[in-house]
Amino acid sequence: MTMQNETGKRAGLFGLRGSSRTRRRVAAVAAVVTIALVALVVVTDPFPGGSSTNSGASDNGAPTAIGKVTRESLSSQTQVSGTLGYAGSLNVNLPAGTAPSAESQARQTYSSAQETLDADRSTLSADRQTLVQAQSQLSADRRKQASDCAGAAAAGSAGNGGSDTGSEGGGSASTPCASAIQTVSGDEVALASAKHAVATDQGQIENDQGALTGAQQSLASAESSAVTYESTSIYTMLPAAGTMIRRGQALYEINSQPVLLLYGPVTAWRAFRAGMSPGRDVAKLNANLEALGYGQGLTGGSFSSATEQAIVSLQAAHGMDQTGVLALGSVAFMPGPVRVTSATPTVGQAVQPGPVLAVTSTRHQVAIELDAAQQSQVAVGDKVTVTLPDNSTTPGVVSTIGKVATTPSTGGDQGNDSSSTPTIEVDVKLLHEATAGELDQAPVNVEITTASVSNVLVVPVNALLALTGGGYAVEAVSPSGAHQLLRVTLGLFDDASGMVQVSGAGLHEGLRVVVAAS
């Protein structure tokens, strides 16, 4: 074996360095290098004893130079293309619900049902009093009948056939007993009538109570689903694309009444008003009111009197009707500040429930359509370097990695195989938002750091020699000029620096090694 044969291998390896840089994992790089060297000159493996020579670089068929084993930190990167834009894509929707006029009608129906019930209760009370009086009168008249018809009076009445002849008028008159009997009979009729009236009243009240319960439920539903607009309402203000909107500011206006932005991961699905049940939406409302300075100690998910007063203060500050109630559509919850991308309606258009604004967050991100085969090479938290359109760079971090691979449309070009490669979406968060400026969208290059090592022994990639028996070595040069092959185990390849991590017996920082000259 000659050292010239080994340096011939080195020259071949160096010539393939550009190919190896496309691999991001040690095993892949090693495989490519090994395959590329199959056609190279085969030499006898000098190990375990190694070999030495004093021939130096003059024995090599290709020019060489001297490098050193150093101790450094390395990283492995993946180069991909991405699109800079604003993170997230949401719609601000106007909810459907009960119009103010319908809510007012429900309230009037409830009031009328309550008034009817109150009136019928008064009638029942009067009829019950009449019944008591009829019962009392009947009792008294029955006692009188018993007295008038007892003993001789009763016999006299019977002997006279129940009649007596007046001394002057010649007409007939009842005896006291007969008169008492007649009176009691009339009392019994009056009592039966009073009982019937009371029973009728009670039936009517049952109906009234049913109607009131229905009206109450309808009113509660109307109040819970009450919206801020009528069918005749119009949009009087809509923001321009690019407008940044923060908490407490108007997203848009209906009939000159603002719809305010609040922060929180909830959806306003009911009106906020006194008497509503506790909930997470109320807790977020309380937190926003306190954050905006309209109340103190507004914690928990209950709508308190302090919540109502804070709403009044909020409404006063924005020129809204000070009702202490926030109907559906008067506020909208978003995760944070938003940037408007478009408005669905136009100013002056009639209001209808549905999407009003398309918005994003105010934070930039880079979206990457990564080859699905590379998914295992990238992890959430990986550091990245983003090259912006002006060629400046800014750091970032992988924030999300999609789990569903999609195949882009070929656009009718069936021969374009690359367009049908499955991809996954990878999102990158910029660590310094200001560096993105106000770019709405722009193509960028992204370098993702997929692996790193610290404080390890490294050599230039073109110092590696492939051994015929497998594995790699470096050609060490002693202070006296003697050359010796040292077997090495490879670690991480750093494509950017052209260095590779090595370990093995005899290696140490500062050791001189032969490298292929560039």
Protein backbone atom coordinates (compact mmCIF):
# COMPACT_ATOMS: atom_id res chain seq x y z
CA MET A 1 0.00 0.00 0.00
CA THR A 2 1.23 3.51 -0.73
CA MET A 3 0.12 6.77 0.81
CA GLN A 4 -0.49 7.96 -2.72
CA ASN A 5 -3.35 5.47 -3.05
CA GLU A 6 -4.96 6.80 0.12
CA THR A 7 -4.64 10.41 -0.99
CA GLY A 8 -6.20 9.41 -4.27
CA LYS A 9 -9.20 8.36 -2.22
CA ARG A 10 -9.03 11.67 -0.42
CA ALA A 11 -9.11 13.55 -3.68
CA GLY A 12 -12.16 11.57 -4.78
CA LEU A 13 -13.90 12.24 -1.45
CA PHE A 14 -13.15 15.93 -1.68
CA GLY A 15 -14.57 16.05 -5.16
CA LEU A 16 -17.84 14.61 -3.80
CA ARG A 17 -18.15 17.02 -0.94
CA GLY A 18 -20.86 19.07 -2.66
CA SER A 19 -22.97 15.91 -2.98
CA SER A 20 -22.59 15.02 0.68
CA ARG A 21 -23.83 18.45 1.74
CA THR A 22 -27.27 17.61 0.49
CA ARG A 23 -27.57 14.99 3.26
CA ARG A 24 -28.50 16.03 6.73
CA ARG A 25 -27.86 12.93 8.73
CA VAL A 26 -24.57 11.18 9.34
CA ALA A 27 -25.73 7.81 8.06
CA ALA A 28 -26.97 9.32 4.82
CA VAL A 29 -23.74 11.23 4.21
CA ALA A 30 -21.61 8.19 4.99
CA ALA A 31 -23.65 6.05 2.61
CA VAL A 32 -23.31 8.51 -0.24
CA VAL A 33 -19.57 8.90 0.29
CA THR A 34 -19.06 5.12 0.50
CA ILE A 35 -21.04 4.48 -2.69
CA ALA A 36 -19.15 7.21 -4.49
CA LEU A 37 -15.84 5.63 -3.56
CA VAL A 38 -16.63 2.13 -4.84
CA ALA A 39 -14.93 2.91 -8.13
CA LEU A 40 -11.81 4.31 -6.46
CA VAL A 41 -8.50 2.50 -6.11
CA VAL A 42 -8.71 -0.31 -3.57
CA VAL A 43 -5.89 -0.41 -1.04
CA THR A 44 -5.01 -2.69 1.78
CA ASP A 45 -6.42 -1.64 5.15
CA PRO A 46 -3.35 -0.65 7.20
CA PHE A 47 -5.03 -1.28 10.56
CA PRO A 48 -4.76 -2.22 13.34
CA GLY A 49 -1.12 -1.27 13.41
CA GLY A 50 -1.47 1.66 11.07
CA SER A 51 1.30 2.76 8.72
CA SER A 52 3.75 5.59 8.61
CA THR A 53 5.87 7.26 6.02
CA ASN A 54 8.01 10.29 5.72
CA SER A 55 7.12 10.84 2.08
CA GLY A 56 4.81 13.75 2.91
CA ALA A 57 2.51 15.38 0.45
CA SER A 58 4.85 14.80 -2.44
CA ASP A 59 3.74 11.16 -2.59
CA ASN A 60 0.10 12.10 -3.35
CA GLY A 61 -1.32 12.13 -6.79
CA ALA A 62 -3.47 15.14 -5.88
CA PRO A 63 -2.39 18.33 -4.13
CA THR A 64 -2.78 18.27 -0.36
CA ALA A 65 -2.36 20.61 2.54
CA ILE A 66 -2.07 20.34 6.29
CA GLY A 67 -5.02 20.95 8.59
CA LYS A 68 -5.61 20.40 12.27
CA VAL A 69 -7.99 18.58 14.55
CA THR A 70 -9.90 21.28 16.41
CA ARG A 71 -12.52 21.37 19.14
CA GLU A 72 -15.69 23.15 18.06
CA SER A 73 -19.47 23.11 18.10
CA LEU A 74 -21.22 21.85 14.97
CA SER A 75 -24.74 21.91 13.66
CA SER A 76 -26.61 20.29 10.81
CA GLN A 77 -28.99 22.33 8.68
CA THR A 78 -31.81 21.77 6.23
CA GLN A 79 -32.28 24.41 3.53
CA VAL A 80 -35.90 25.03 2.45
CA SER A 81 -38.00 27.74 0.87
CA GLY A 82 -40.87 29.41 2.69
CA THR A 83 -43.38 32.24 2.53
CA LEU A 84 -43.32 35.12 5.00
CA GLY A 85 -46.76 36.34 6.02
CA TYR A 86 -48.97 37.04 8.99
CA ALA A 87 -49.82 34.14 11.27
CA GLY A 88 -53.32 32.76 11.55
CA SER A 89 -56.40 33.33 9.45
CA LEU A 90 -59.73 34.00 11.14
CA ASN A 91 -63.11 35.51 10.39
CA VAL A 92 -64.94 38.07 12.48
CA ASN A 93 -68.56 36.93 12.25
CA LEU A 94 -71.75 38.78 13.09
CA PRO A 95 -73.97 36.33 14.99
CA ALA A 96 -77.62 35.70 14.24
CA GLY A 97 -80.16 36.27 16.99
CA THR A 98 -83.24 38.13 18.14
CA ALA A 99 -83.61 41.66 16.81
CA PRO A 100 -84.26 44.49 19.32
CA SER A 101 -87.84 44.89 18.05
CA ALA A 102 -88.54 41.19 18.54
CA GLU A 103 -87.01 41.32 22.00
CA SER A 104 -89.22 44.31 22.82
CA GLN A 105 -92.27 42.40 21.57
CA ALA A 106 -91.35 39.41 23.74
CA ARG A 107 -91.04 41.74 26.73
CA GLN A 108 -94.43 43.30 25.97
CA THR A 109 -96.03 39.87 25.63
CA TYR A 110 -94.61 38.89 29.00
CA SER A 111 -95.89 42.12 30.60
CA SER A 112 -99.34 41.58 29.12
CA ALA A 113 -99.42 37.98 30.39
CA GLN A 114 -98.41 39.20 33.83
CA GLU A 115 -101.10 41.90 33.79
CA THR A 116 -103.76 39.38 32.71
CA LEU A 117 -102.73 37.02 35.50
CA ASP A 118 -102.81 39.85 38.05
CA ALA A 119 -106.28 40.94 36.89
CA ASP A 120 -107.65 37.41 37.03
CA ARG A 121 -106.15 36.93 40.45
CA SER A 122 -108.01 40.07 41.59
CA THR A 123 -111.22 38.69 40.10
CA LEU A 124 -110.66 35.40 41.91
CA SER A 125 -110.06 37.23 45.15
CA ALA A 126 -113.33 39.17 44.72
CA ASP A 127 -115.27 36.05 43.75
CA ARG A 128 -113.86 34.20 46.74
CA GLN A 129 -115.05 37.03 48.95
CA THR A 130 -118.50 36.75 47.32
CA LEU A 131 -118.43 33.02 48.00
CA VAL A 132 -117.60 33.58 51.65
CA GLN A 133 -120.45 36.07 51.93
CA ALA A 134 -122.86 33.66 50.20
CA GLN A 135 -121.83 30.88 52.55
CA SER A 136 -122.30 33.17 55.54
CA GLN A 137 -125.70 34.38 54.32
CA LEU A 138 -126.90 30.85 53.70
CA SER A 139 -125.85 29.81 57.17
CA ALA A 140 -127.71 32.74 58.74
CA ASP A 141 -130.85 32.18 56.68
CA ARG A 142 -130.83 28.50 57.50
CA ARG A 143 -130.77 29.34 61.18
CA LYS A 144 -133.70 31.71 60.68
CA GLN A 145 -135.58 29.03 58.74
CA ALA A 146 -135.07 26.63 61.55
CA SER A 147 -136.50 29.19 63.95
CA ASP A 148 -139.45 30.27 61.80
CA CYS A 149 -140.46 26.79 60.88
CA ALA A 150 -140.15 25.23 64.34
CA GLY A 151 -143.14 24.15 66.56
CA ALA A 152 -146.55 26.00 66.33
CA ALA A 153 -145.29 28.26 63.56
CA ALA A 154 -144.60 25.32 61.40
CA ALA A 155 -147.98 23.75 62.26
CA GLY A 156 -149.82 26.98 61.59
CA SER A 157 -148.12 27.30 58.34
CA ALA A 158 -149.10 23.79 57.46
CA GLY A 159 -152.75 24.34 58.60
CA ASN A 160 -153.10 27.40 56.46
CA GLY A 161 -151.82 25.60 53.53
CA GLY A 162 -148.78 27.78 53.60
CA SER A 163 -150.83 30.95 52.99
CA ASP A 164 -152.68 33.65 54.92
CA THR A 165 -155.37 36.14 53.85
CA GLY A 166 -154.69 39.76 54.48
CA SER A 167 -157.36 41.83 56.25
CA GLU A 168 -157.44 44.61 53.67
CA GLY A 169 -155.62 43.76 50.49
CA GLY A 170 -157.26 40.49 49.88
CA GLY A 171 -153.84 39.18 48.55
CA SER A 172 -151.82 36.30 49.83
CA ALA A 173 -148.63 36.51 51.86
CA SER A 174 -146.14 33.91 52.93
CA THR A 175 -145.91 32.84 56.43
CA PRO A 176 -142.56 33.38 58.16
CA CYS A 177 -141.60 29.75 57.63
CA ALA A 178 -142.44 29.76 53.96
CA SER A 179 -140.58 33.03 53.51
CA ALA A 180 -137.54 31.61 55.27
CA ILE A 181 -137.61 28.54 53.07
CA GLN A 182 -137.77 30.70 49.97
CA THR A 183 -134.87 32.83 51.17
CA VAL A 184 -132.69 29.80 51.86
CA SER A 185 -133.47 28.47 48.40
CA GLY A 186 -132.29 31.74 46.90
CA ASP A 187 -129.14 31.64 49.04
CA GLU A 188 -128.32 28.17 47.78
CA VAL A 189 -128.58 29.34 44.18
CA ALA A 190 -126.33 32.31 44.96
CA LEU A 191 -123.82 30.04 46.67
CA ALA A 192 -123.70 27.66 43.72
CA SER A 193 -123.14 30.61 41.40
CA ALA A 194 -120.31 31.92 43.60
CA LYS A 195 -118.65 28.51 43.65
CA HIS A 196 -118.90 28.28 39.86
CA ALA A 197 -117.33 31.74 39.50
CA VAL A 198 -114.42 30.77 41.75
CA ALA A 199 -113.86 27.53 39.87
CA THR A 200 -113.93 29.40 36.56
CA ASP A 201 -111.46 31.95 37.93
CA GLN A 202 -109.11 29.20 39.09
CA GLY A 203 -109.18 27.58 35.65
CA GLN A 204 -108.47 30.92 34.00
CA ILE A 205 -105.54 31.55 36.34
CA GLU A 206 -104.09 28.17 35.47
CA ASN A 207 -104.26 29.19 31.82
CA ASP A 208 -102.76 32.57 32.67
CA GLN A 209 -99.90 30.96 34.52
CA GLY A 210 -99.18 28.70 31.56
CA ALA A 211 -99.23 31.68 29.22
CA LEU A 212 -96.97 33.64 31.58
CA THR A 213 -94.50 30.75 31.80
CA GLY A 214 -94.36 30.52 28.01
CA ALA A 215 -93.95 34.28 27.70
CA GLN A 216 -91.23 34.22 30.34
CA GLN A 217 -89.33 31.48 28.50
CA SER A 218 -89.70 33.35 25.21
CA LEU A 219 -88.43 36.53 26.84
CA ALA A 220 -85.47 34.74 28.41
CA SER A 221 -84.58 33.24 25.04
CA ALA A 222 -84.96 36.61 23.33
CA GLU A 223 -82.81 38.34 25.93
CA SER A 224 -80.12 35.67 25.72
CA SER A 225 -80.02 35.77 21.91
CA ALA A 226 -80.56 39.51 21.56
CA VAL A 227 -78.47 41.14 18.82
CA THR A 228 -77.58 44.76 18.25
CA TYR A 229 -79.10 45.17 14.81
CA GLU A 230 -82.42 45.19 12.99
CA SER A 231 -83.13 43.95 9.48
CA THR A 232 -82.98 47.61 8.41
CA SER A 233 -79.56 48.26 9.99
CA ILE A 234 -76.55 49.11 7.81
CA TYR A 235 -72.76 49.07 8.12
CA THR A 236 -71.55 52.62 8.74
CA MET A 237 -67.80 51.89 9.16
CA LEU A 238 -65.54 49.12 7.93
CA PRO A 239 -61.74 49.11 8.35
CA ALA A 240 -59.31 49.15 5.43
CA ALA A 241 -57.07 46.18 4.70
CA GLY A 242 -53.91 46.34 6.78
CA THR A 243 -55.59 48.06 9.73
CA MET A 244 -54.29 46.88 13.11
CA ILE A 245 -56.99 46.62 15.79
CA ARG A 246 -56.34 46.07 19.49
CA ARG A 247 -58.44 45.36 22.57
CA GLY A 248 -61.21 47.86 23.20
CA GLN A 249 -61.04 49.32 19.69
CA ALA A 250 -63.82 49.22 17.09
CA LEU A 251 -63.70 46.42 14.55
CA TYR A 252 -66.54 48.00 12.55
CA GLU A 253 -69.75 49.97 13.16
CA ILE A 254 -73.45 49.26 12.69
CA ASN A 255 -75.72 52.30 12.68
CA SER A 256 -72.77 54.28 14.11
CA GLN A 257 -72.55 51.90 17.08
CA PRO A 258 -69.08 50.25 17.37
CA VAL A 259 -68.45 46.53 17.60
CA LEU A 260 -65.52 46.25 20.01
CA LEU A 261 -62.62 43.79 20.02
CA LEU A 262 -62.00 41.79 23.19
CA TYR A 263 -59.31 39.16 23.78
CA GLY A 264 -59.98 35.54 24.63
CA PRO A 265 -60.32 32.01 23.23
CA VAL A 266 -64.12 32.10 23.48
CA THR A 267 -67.05 32.91 21.25
CA ALA A 268 -69.79 35.28 22.38
CA TRP A 269 -72.77 32.93 22.05
CA ARG A 270 -75.20 34.82 24.30
CA ALA A 271 -75.85 38.40 25.39
CA PHE A 272 -74.14 39.63 28.55
CA ARG A 273 -76.73 40.87 31.04
CA ALA A 274 -77.73 40.70 34.68
CA GLY A 275 -79.19 37.36 35.74
CA MET A 276 -77.29 35.27 33.20
CA SER A 277 -75.74 32.01 34.38
CA PRO A 278 -72.00 31.93 35.15
CA GLY A 279 -69.62 30.77 32.43
CA ARG A 280 -66.19 30.99 30.86
CA ASP A 281 -67.43 33.70 28.50
CA VAL A 282 -68.38 35.87 31.47
CA ALA A 283 -64.96 35.27 33.02
CA LYS A 284 -63.28 36.50 29.81
CA LEU A 285 -65.58 39.53 29.71
CA ASN A 286 -64.67 40.41 33.30
CA ALA A 287 -60.96 40.04 32.53
CA ASN A 288 -61.25 42.34 29.50
CA LEU A 289 -63.24 44.99 31.37
CA GLU A 290 -60.61 45.07 34.11
CA ALA A 291 -57.74 45.11 31.59
CA LEU A 292 -59.36 48.10 29.88
CA GLY A 293 -59.66 49.93 33.20
CA TYR A 294 -63.44 49.87 33.56
CA GLY A 295 -63.53 47.92 36.81
CA GLN A 296 -61.47 46.40 39.58
CA GLY A 297 -61.65 42.96 41.13
CA LEU A 298 -63.68 41.60 38.23
CA THR A 299 -62.73 37.96 38.58
CA GLY A 300 -64.60 34.70 38.12
CA GLY A 301 -67.34 33.72 35.75
CA SER A 302 -70.33 35.45 37.38
CA PHE A 303 -72.10 38.53 36.03
CA SER A 304 -72.14 40.80 39.06
CA SER A 305 -73.37 44.34 39.67
CA ALA A 306 -69.74 45.43 39.24
CA THR A 307 -69.75 43.79 35.80
CA GLU A 308 -72.89 45.69 34.86
CA GLN A 309 -71.41 48.99 36.03
CA ALA A 310 -68.18 48.32 34.13
CA ILE A 311 -70.21 47.72 30.95
CA VAL A 312 -71.97 51.05 31.46
CA SER A 313 -68.56 52.74 31.73
CA LEU A 314 -67.35 50.98 28.59
CA GLN A 315 -70.47 52.02 26.68
CA ALA A 316 -70.15 55.62 27.85
CA ALA A 317 -66.52 55.78 26.71
CA HIS A 318 -67.46 54.64 23.19
CA GLY A 319 -70.66 56.60 22.73
CA MET A 320 -72.83 53.51 22.96
CA ASP A 321 -76.28 53.26 24.53
CA GLN A 322 -75.61 52.88 28.26
CA THR A 323 -77.80 49.87 28.99
CA GLY A 324 -75.43 47.74 31.07
CA VAL A 325 -76.14 44.98 28.54
CA LEU A 326 -73.86 43.77 25.76
CA ALA A 327 -76.07 42.24 23.10
CA LEU A 328 -74.71 39.71 20.62
CA GLY A 329 -72.67 41.48 17.98
CA SER A 330 -71.64 44.39 20.21
CA VAL A 331 -68.30 42.71 21.02
CA ALA A 332 -66.19 40.04 19.33
CA PHE A 333 -63.55 37.85 20.97
CA MET A 334 -60.25 37.14 19.18
CA PRO A 335 -57.08 35.47 20.56
CA GLY A 336 -55.26 38.82 20.46
CA PRO A 337 -54.79 41.92 18.34
CA VAL A 338 -55.74 41.46 14.70
CA ARG A 339 -54.76 42.77 11.30
CA VAL A 340 -57.57 43.19 8.77
CA THR A 341 -57.03 41.50 5.42
CA SER A 342 -60.44 42.16 3.87
CA ALA A 343 -64.06 43.12 4.56
CA THR A 344 -66.95 41.09 3.15
CA PRO A 345 -69.69 43.78 3.13
CA THR A 346 -69.39 47.42 2.07
CA VAL A 347 -70.29 50.61 3.90
CA GLY A 348 -74.03 51.28 3.53
CA GLN A 349 -74.87 47.64 2.91
CA ALA A 350 -77.69 46.06 4.90
CA VAL A 351 -76.52 44.06 7.87
CA GLN A 352 -76.77 40.29 7.72
CA PRO A 353 -75.36 37.63 10.05
CA GLY A 354 -72.20 35.93 8.83
CA PRO A 355 -68.58 36.85 8.04
CA VAL A 356 -67.77 40.55 8.20
CA LEU A 357 -63.97 40.74 8.35
CA ALA A 358 -61.12 38.41 7.44
CA VAL A 359 -58.24 38.95 9.85
CA THR A 360 -54.89 37.54 10.87
CA SER A 361 -52.76 38.02 13.93
CA THR A 362 -50.33 40.95 13.97
CA ARG A 363 -47.38 38.56 14.23
CA HIS A 364 -45.39 37.39 11.23
CA GLN A 365 -44.58 33.76 10.59
CA VAL A 366 -42.95 31.74 7.84
CA ALA A 367 -44.98 28.94 6.28
CA ILE A 368 -43.00 26.08 4.76
CA GLU A 369 -44.35 23.32 2.53
CA LEU A 370 -41.86 20.64 3.59
CA ASP A 371 -41.36 17.41 1.69
CA ALA A 372 -43.20 14.83 3.80
CA ALA A 373 -40.15 12.56 3.59
CA GLN A 374 -38.20 15.15 5.60
CA GLN A 375 -40.71 15.32 8.45
CA SER A 376 -38.51 13.22 10.76
CA GLN A 377 -35.64 15.66 10.26
CA VAL A 378 -37.51 18.61 11.78
CA ALA A 379 -38.89 19.05 15.30
CA VAL A 380 -40.83 21.74 17.11
CA GLY A 381 -38.30 24.00 18.81
CA ASP A 382 -35.62 23.63 16.11
CA LYS A 383 -33.77 26.90 15.61
CA VAL A 384 -33.87 28.46 12.16
CA THR A 385 -32.30 31.32 10.29
CA VAL A 386 -34.57 33.16 7.87
CA THR A 387 -33.09 35.05 4.94
CA LEU A 388 -35.41 37.95 4.09
CA PRO A 389 -35.91 39.50 0.63
CA ASP A 390 -33.32 42.20 1.39
CA ASN A 391 -30.79 39.40 2.15
CA SER A 392 -30.76 40.23 5.86
CA THR A 393 -31.21 37.33 8.26
CA THR A 394 -33.29 36.92 11.37
CA PRO A 395 -33.60 34.05 13.87
CA GLY A 396 -36.70 31.99 14.38
CA VAL A 397 -37.96 28.72 15.80
CA VAL A 398 -40.17 25.95 14.44
CA SER A 399 -43.54 26.46 16.12
CA THR A 400 -45.81 23.85 14.53
CA ILE A 401 -45.42 20.82 12.28
CA GLY A 402 -48.36 19.47 10.34
CA LYS A 403 -49.37 15.85 10.75
CA VAL A 404 -51.32 15.49 7.52
CA ALA A 405 -49.48 15.27 4.21
CA THR A 406 -51.17 16.85 1.22
CA THR A 407 -50.45 16.57 -2.49
CA PRO A 408 -50.47 19.90 -4.35
CA SER A 409 -52.56 20.20 -7.49
CA THR A 410 -50.64 19.48 -10.68
CA GLY A 411 -52.53 22.21 -12.48
CA GLY A 412 -53.29 19.85 -15.34
CA ASP A 413 -49.63 19.08 -16.03
CA GLN A 414 -49.58 15.33 -15.58
CA GLY A 415 -45.92 15.19 -16.53
CA ASN A 416 -44.78 17.36 -13.65
CA ASP A 417 -43.95 14.72 -11.04
CA SER A 418 -42.40 17.22 -8.59
CA SER A 419 -45.71 19.02 -8.13
CA SER A 420 -47.33 15.85 -6.84
CA THR A 421 -44.80 15.30 -4.05
CA PRO A 422 -46.65 15.09 -0.71
CA THR A 423 -45.83 17.93 1.68
CA ILE A 424 -46.57 18.92 5.26
CA GLU A 425 -46.93 22.45 6.56
CA VAL A 426 -44.26 23.69 8.95
CA ASP A 427 -44.67 27.08 10.62
CA VAL A 428 -41.78 29.18 11.90
CA LYS A 429 -42.12 31.91 14.51
CA LEU A 430 -39.79 34.87 14.17
CA LEU A 431 -37.94 35.74 17.38
CA HIS A 432 -37.63 39.40 16.40
CA GLU A 433 -40.93 40.51 14.89
CA ALA A 434 -39.66 43.97 13.94
CA THR A 435 -37.20 42.54 11.43
CA ALA A 436 -40.08 41.54 9.14
CA GLY A 437 -41.21 45.15 8.82
CA GLU A 438 -44.63 45.52 7.23
CA LEU A 439 -44.28 42.91 4.51
CA ASP A 440 -47.64 41.32 3.81
CA GLN A 441 -46.13 38.38 1.97
CA ALA A 442 -42.72 37.53 0.58
CA PRO A 443 -40.66 34.46 -0.42
CA VAL A 444 -37.81 33.66 1.97
CA ASN A 445 -35.15 31.04 2.46
CA VAL A 446 -35.04 29.11 5.72
CA GLU A 447 -32.12 27.23 7.22
CA ILE A 448 -33.35 24.83 9.87
CA THR A 449 -30.88 23.56 12.45
CA THR A 450 -31.85 19.92 12.82
CA ALA A 451 -29.03 18.74 15.12
CA SER A 452 -26.08 20.19 17.04
CA VAL A 453 -23.14 19.11 19.19
CA SER A 454 -20.89 21.17 21.43
CA ASN A 455 -17.20 21.00 22.27
CA VAL A 456 -16.27 18.03 20.06
CA LEU A 457 -13.23 17.12 17.98
CA VAL A 458 -13.71 18.00 14.33
CA VAL A 459 -11.78 17.85 11.07
CA PRO A 460 -12.47 19.18 7.59
CA VAL A 461 -14.60 16.76 5.58
CA ASN A 462 -11.85 16.59 2.94
CA ALA A 463 -9.49 15.11 5.53
CA LEU A 464 -11.46 11.84 5.56
CA LEU A 465 -10.12 8.73 3.86
CA ALA A 466 -12.43 5.84 2.98
CA LEU A 467 -10.99 2.43 3.91
CA THR A 468 -11.44 -0.61 1.68
CA GLY A 469 -12.58 -2.68 4.64
CA GLY A 470 -15.18 -0.08 5.57
CA GLY A 471 -14.99 2.96 7.76
CA TYR A 472 -12.87 6.08 7.62
CA ALA A 473 -9.47 7.35 8.67
CA VAL A 474 -7.44 10.54 8.75
CA GLU A 475 -3.78 10.84 7.79
CA ALA A 476 -2.02 12.24 10.85
CA VAL A 477 1.34 14.05 10.57
CA SER A 478 3.64 13.89 13.59
CA PRO A 479 5.92 16.79 14.59
CA SER A 480 8.77 14.88 13.01
CA GLY A 481 6.89 14.66 9.72
CA ALA A 482 5.90 10.99 9.94
CA HIS A 483 2.51 10.09 8.44
CA GLN A 484 0.11 7.63 10.06
CA LEU A 485 -3.46 6.60 9.33
CA LEU A 486 -5.81 6.82 12.33
CA ARG A 487 -9.21 5.15 12.16
CA VAL A 488 -12.04 7.54 13.09
CA THR A 489 -15.71 7.25 13.94
CA LEU A 490 -17.84 9.92 12.30
CA GLY A 491 -20.43 12.04 14.07
CA LEU A 492 -22.32 15.10 12.91
CA PHE A 493 -21.63 16.70 9.53
CA ASP A 494 -21.84 20.50 9.42
CA ASP A 495 -22.48 21.31 5.77
CA ALA A 496 -22.19 25.04 6.29
CA SER A 497 -18.68 24.87 7.72
CA GLY A 498 -17.51 21.77 5.87
CA MET A 499 -16.50 20.10 9.12
CA VAL A 500 -17.30 16.68 10.57
CA GLN A 501 -17.26 15.38 14.13
CA VAL A 502 -14.68 12.61 14.68
CA SER A 503 -13.58 10.39 17.54
CA GLY A 504 -11.01 7.60 17.88
CA ALA A 505 -7.73 6.52 19.45
CA GLY A 506 -4.85 8.92 18.95
CA LEU A 507 -6.99 11.93 18.13
CA HIS A 508 -6.47 15.12 20.08
CA GLU A 509 -6.95 18.81 19.64
CA GLY A 510 -4.17 20.35 17.58
CA LEU A 511 -3.21 17.11 15.80
CA ARG A 512 -2.09 17.90 12.24
CA VAL A 513 -3.84 15.97 9.44
CA VAL A 514 -3.54 15.89 5.69
CA VAL A 515 -6.42 17.47 3.76
CA ALA A 516 -7.12 17.71 0.08
CA ALA A 517 -6.06 21.11 -1.15
CA SER A 518 -8.84 23.30 -2.45
